[in-house]
Amino acid sequence: MKIALRKMGNSQGVIIPKTVIAELELEYEVDMTVKDKQIILSKPRDAVRVGWELAAQELTATDDDGLVWPELANQEDEDLQW
């Protein structure tokens, strides 16, 4: 499919056809990479760290948020106020 480059301010861009957006289930953004002189647009992967806040709260609630390797702690760690 050929798509025309269009002037957009000081840049150029393309309009992605509605059918392509629907097929890829795009919403607000896309991931763009350049490889071998090709532009690759893809649906963004799930956000990094999704669910980490809830997992941390659960660890704290069960008092399971201590150091995994306490022998690797820094000497100054005991002086820190949390």
C-alpha atoms as a PDB file:
ATOM      1  CA  MET A   1       0.000   0.000   0.000  1.00  0.00           C
ATOM      2  CA  LYS A   2       1.461   3.356  -0.973  1.00  0.00           C
ATOM      3  CA  ILE A   3       0.762   6.336   1.251  1.00  0.00           C
ATOM      4  CA  ALA A   4       1.724   9.925   0.457  1.00  0.00           C
ATOM      5  CA  LEU A   5       4.086  11.863   2.699  1.00  0.00           C
ATOM      6  CA  ARG A   6       2.332  14.999   3.897  1.00  0.00           C
ATOM      7  CA  LYS A   7       3.789  18.223   5.188  1.00  0.00           C
ATOM      8  CA  MET A   8       3.118  18.598   8.925  1.00  0.00           C
ATOM      9  CA  GLY A   9       4.727  21.765  10.248  1.00  0.00           C
ATOM     10  CA  ASN A  10       8.494  21.415   9.799  1.00  0.00           C
ATOM     11  CA  SER A  11       8.155  17.631   9.456  1.00  0.00           C
ATOM     12  CA  GLN A  12       6.474  15.145   7.181  1.00  0.00           C
ATOM     13  CA  GLY A  13       4.086  12.398   8.132  1.00  0.00           C
ATOM     14  CA  VAL A  14       1.602   9.846   6.905  1.00  0.00           C
ATOM     15  CA  ILE A  15      -2.048   9.252   7.581  1.00  0.00           C
ATOM     16  CA  ILE A  16      -2.680   5.680   8.727  1.00  0.00           C
ATOM     17  CA  PRO A  17      -5.892   4.366   7.163  1.00  0.00           C
ATOM     18  CA  LYS A  18      -8.739   3.649   9.568  1.00  0.00           C
ATOM     19  CA  THR A  19      -8.853   0.005   8.456  1.00  0.00           C
ATOM     20  CA  VAL A  20      -5.202  -0.492   9.458  1.00  0.00           C
ATOM     21  CA  ILE A  21      -5.788   1.157  12.821  1.00  0.00           C
ATOM     22  CA  ALA A  22      -8.767  -1.124  13.424  1.00  0.00           C
ATOM     23  CA  GLU A  23      -6.867  -4.243  12.324  1.00  0.00           C
ATOM     24  CA  LEU A  24      -3.987  -3.481  14.716  1.00  0.00           C
ATOM     25  CA  GLU A  25      -6.389  -2.359  17.465  1.00  0.00           C
ATOM     26  CA  LEU A  26      -4.465   0.878  17.927  1.00  0.00           C
ATOM     27  CA  GLU A  27      -5.747   3.545  20.290  1.00  0.00           C
ATOM     28  CA  TYR A  28      -3.505   6.487  21.183  1.00  0.00           C
ATOM     29  CA  GLU A  29       0.048   5.577  20.244  1.00  0.00           C
ATOM     30  CA  VAL A  30       2.219   3.157  18.286  1.00  0.00           C
ATOM     31  CA  ASP A  31       5.744   1.804  18.698  1.00  0.00           C
ATOM     32  CA  MET A  32       7.993   2.892  15.836  1.00  0.00           C
ATOM     33  CA  THR A  33      11.300   1.247  15.000  1.00  0.00           C
ATOM     34  CA  VAL A  34      13.631   1.596  12.037  1.00  0.00           C
ATOM     35  CA  LYS A  35      15.366  -1.548  10.786  1.00  0.00           C
ATOM     36  CA  ASP A  36      17.160  -2.139   7.507  1.00  0.00           C
ATOM     37  CA  LYS A  37      15.879   1.185   6.170  1.00  0.00           C
ATOM     38  CA  GLN A  38      12.278   0.214   6.940  1.00  0.00           C
ATOM     39  CA  ILE A  39       9.896   1.982   9.308  1.00  0.00           C
ATOM     40  CA  ILE A  40       8.010  -0.528  11.431  1.00  0.00           C
ATOM     41  CA  LEU A  41       4.893   0.595  13.288  1.00  0.00           C
ATOM     42  CA  SER A  42       3.398  -1.830  15.786  1.00  0.00           C
ATOM     43  CA  LYS A  43       0.939  -1.947  18.629  1.00  0.00           C
ATOM     44  CA  PRO A  44       2.656  -0.964  21.875  1.00  0.00           C
ATOM     45  CA  ARG A  45       3.442  -3.769  24.253  1.00  0.00           C
ATOM     46  CA  ASP A  46       1.813  -3.715  27.648  1.00  0.00           C
ATOM     47  CA  ALA A  47       3.181  -0.992  29.847  1.00  0.00           C
ATOM     48  CA  VAL A  48       6.228  -1.880  31.874  1.00  0.00           C
ATOM     49  CA  ARG A  49       5.678  -2.426  35.590  1.00  0.00           C
ATOM     50  CA  VAL A  50       1.925  -2.911  35.295  1.00  0.00           C
ATOM     51  CA  GLY A  51       0.727  -4.347  38.600  1.00  0.00           C
ATOM     52  CA  TRP A  52       3.946  -3.628  40.491  1.00  0.00           C
ATOM     53  CA  GLU A  53       2.244  -1.181  42.863  1.00  0.00           C
ATOM     54  CA  LEU A  54      -0.362  -3.741  43.923  1.00  0.00           C
ATOM     55  CA  ALA A  55       2.276  -6.467  44.268  1.00  0.00           C
ATOM     56  CA  ALA A  56       4.396  -4.200  46.486  1.00  0.00           C
ATOM     57  CA  GLN A  57       1.393  -3.405  48.664  1.00  0.00           C
ATOM     58  CA  GLU A  58       0.667  -7.127  49.053  1.00  0.00           C
ATOM     59  CA  LEU A  59       4.281  -7.818  50.027  1.00  0.00           C
ATOM     60  CA  THR A  60       4.160  -5.047  52.615  1.00  0.00           C
ATOM     61  CA  ALA A  61       0.843  -6.283  54.013  1.00  0.00           C
ATOM     62  CA  THR A  62       2.229  -9.801  54.496  1.00  0.00           C
ATOM     63  CA  ASP A  63       5.507  -8.432  55.961  1.00  0.00           C
ATOM     64  CA  ASP A  64       7.382 -10.108  53.089  1.00  0.00           C
ATOM     65  CA  ASP A  65       9.197  -7.016  51.833  1.00  0.00           C
ATOM     66  CA  GLY A  66      12.595  -7.616  53.454  1.00  0.00           C
ATOM     67  CA  LEU A  67      15.876  -7.883  51.603  1.00  0.00           C
ATOM     68  CA  VAL A  68      16.189 -11.060  49.571  1.00  0.00           C
ATOM     69  CA  TRP A  69      19.961 -11.083  50.020  1.00  0.00           C
ATOM     70  CA  PRO A  70      20.524  -9.219  53.289  1.00  0.00           C
ATOM     71  CA  GLU A  71      24.244 -10.059  53.257  1.00  0.00           C
ATOM     72  CA  LEU A  72      24.575  -7.772  50.215  1.00  0.00           C
ATOM     73  CA  ALA A  73      23.191  -4.730  51.981  1.00  0.00           C
ATOM     74  CA  ASN A  74      25.220  -1.537  52.127  1.00  0.00           C
ATOM     75  CA  GLN A  75      26.833  -0.634  55.431  1.00  0.00           C
ATOM     76  CA  GLU A  76      24.953   2.684  55.455  1.00  0.00           C
ATOM     77  CA  ASP A  77      21.542   0.984  55.055  1.00  0.00           C
ATOM     78  CA  GLU A  78      21.060   0.764  58.820  1.00  0.00           C
ATOM     79  CA  ASP A  79      21.306   4.567  59.086  1.00  0.00           C
ATOM     80  CA  LEU A  80      18.540   5.209  56.533  1.00  0.00           C
ATOM     81  CA  GLN A  81      15.149   6.447  57.733  1.00  0.00           C
ATOM     82  CA  TRP A  82      12.267   4.993  55.684  1.00  0.00           C
END
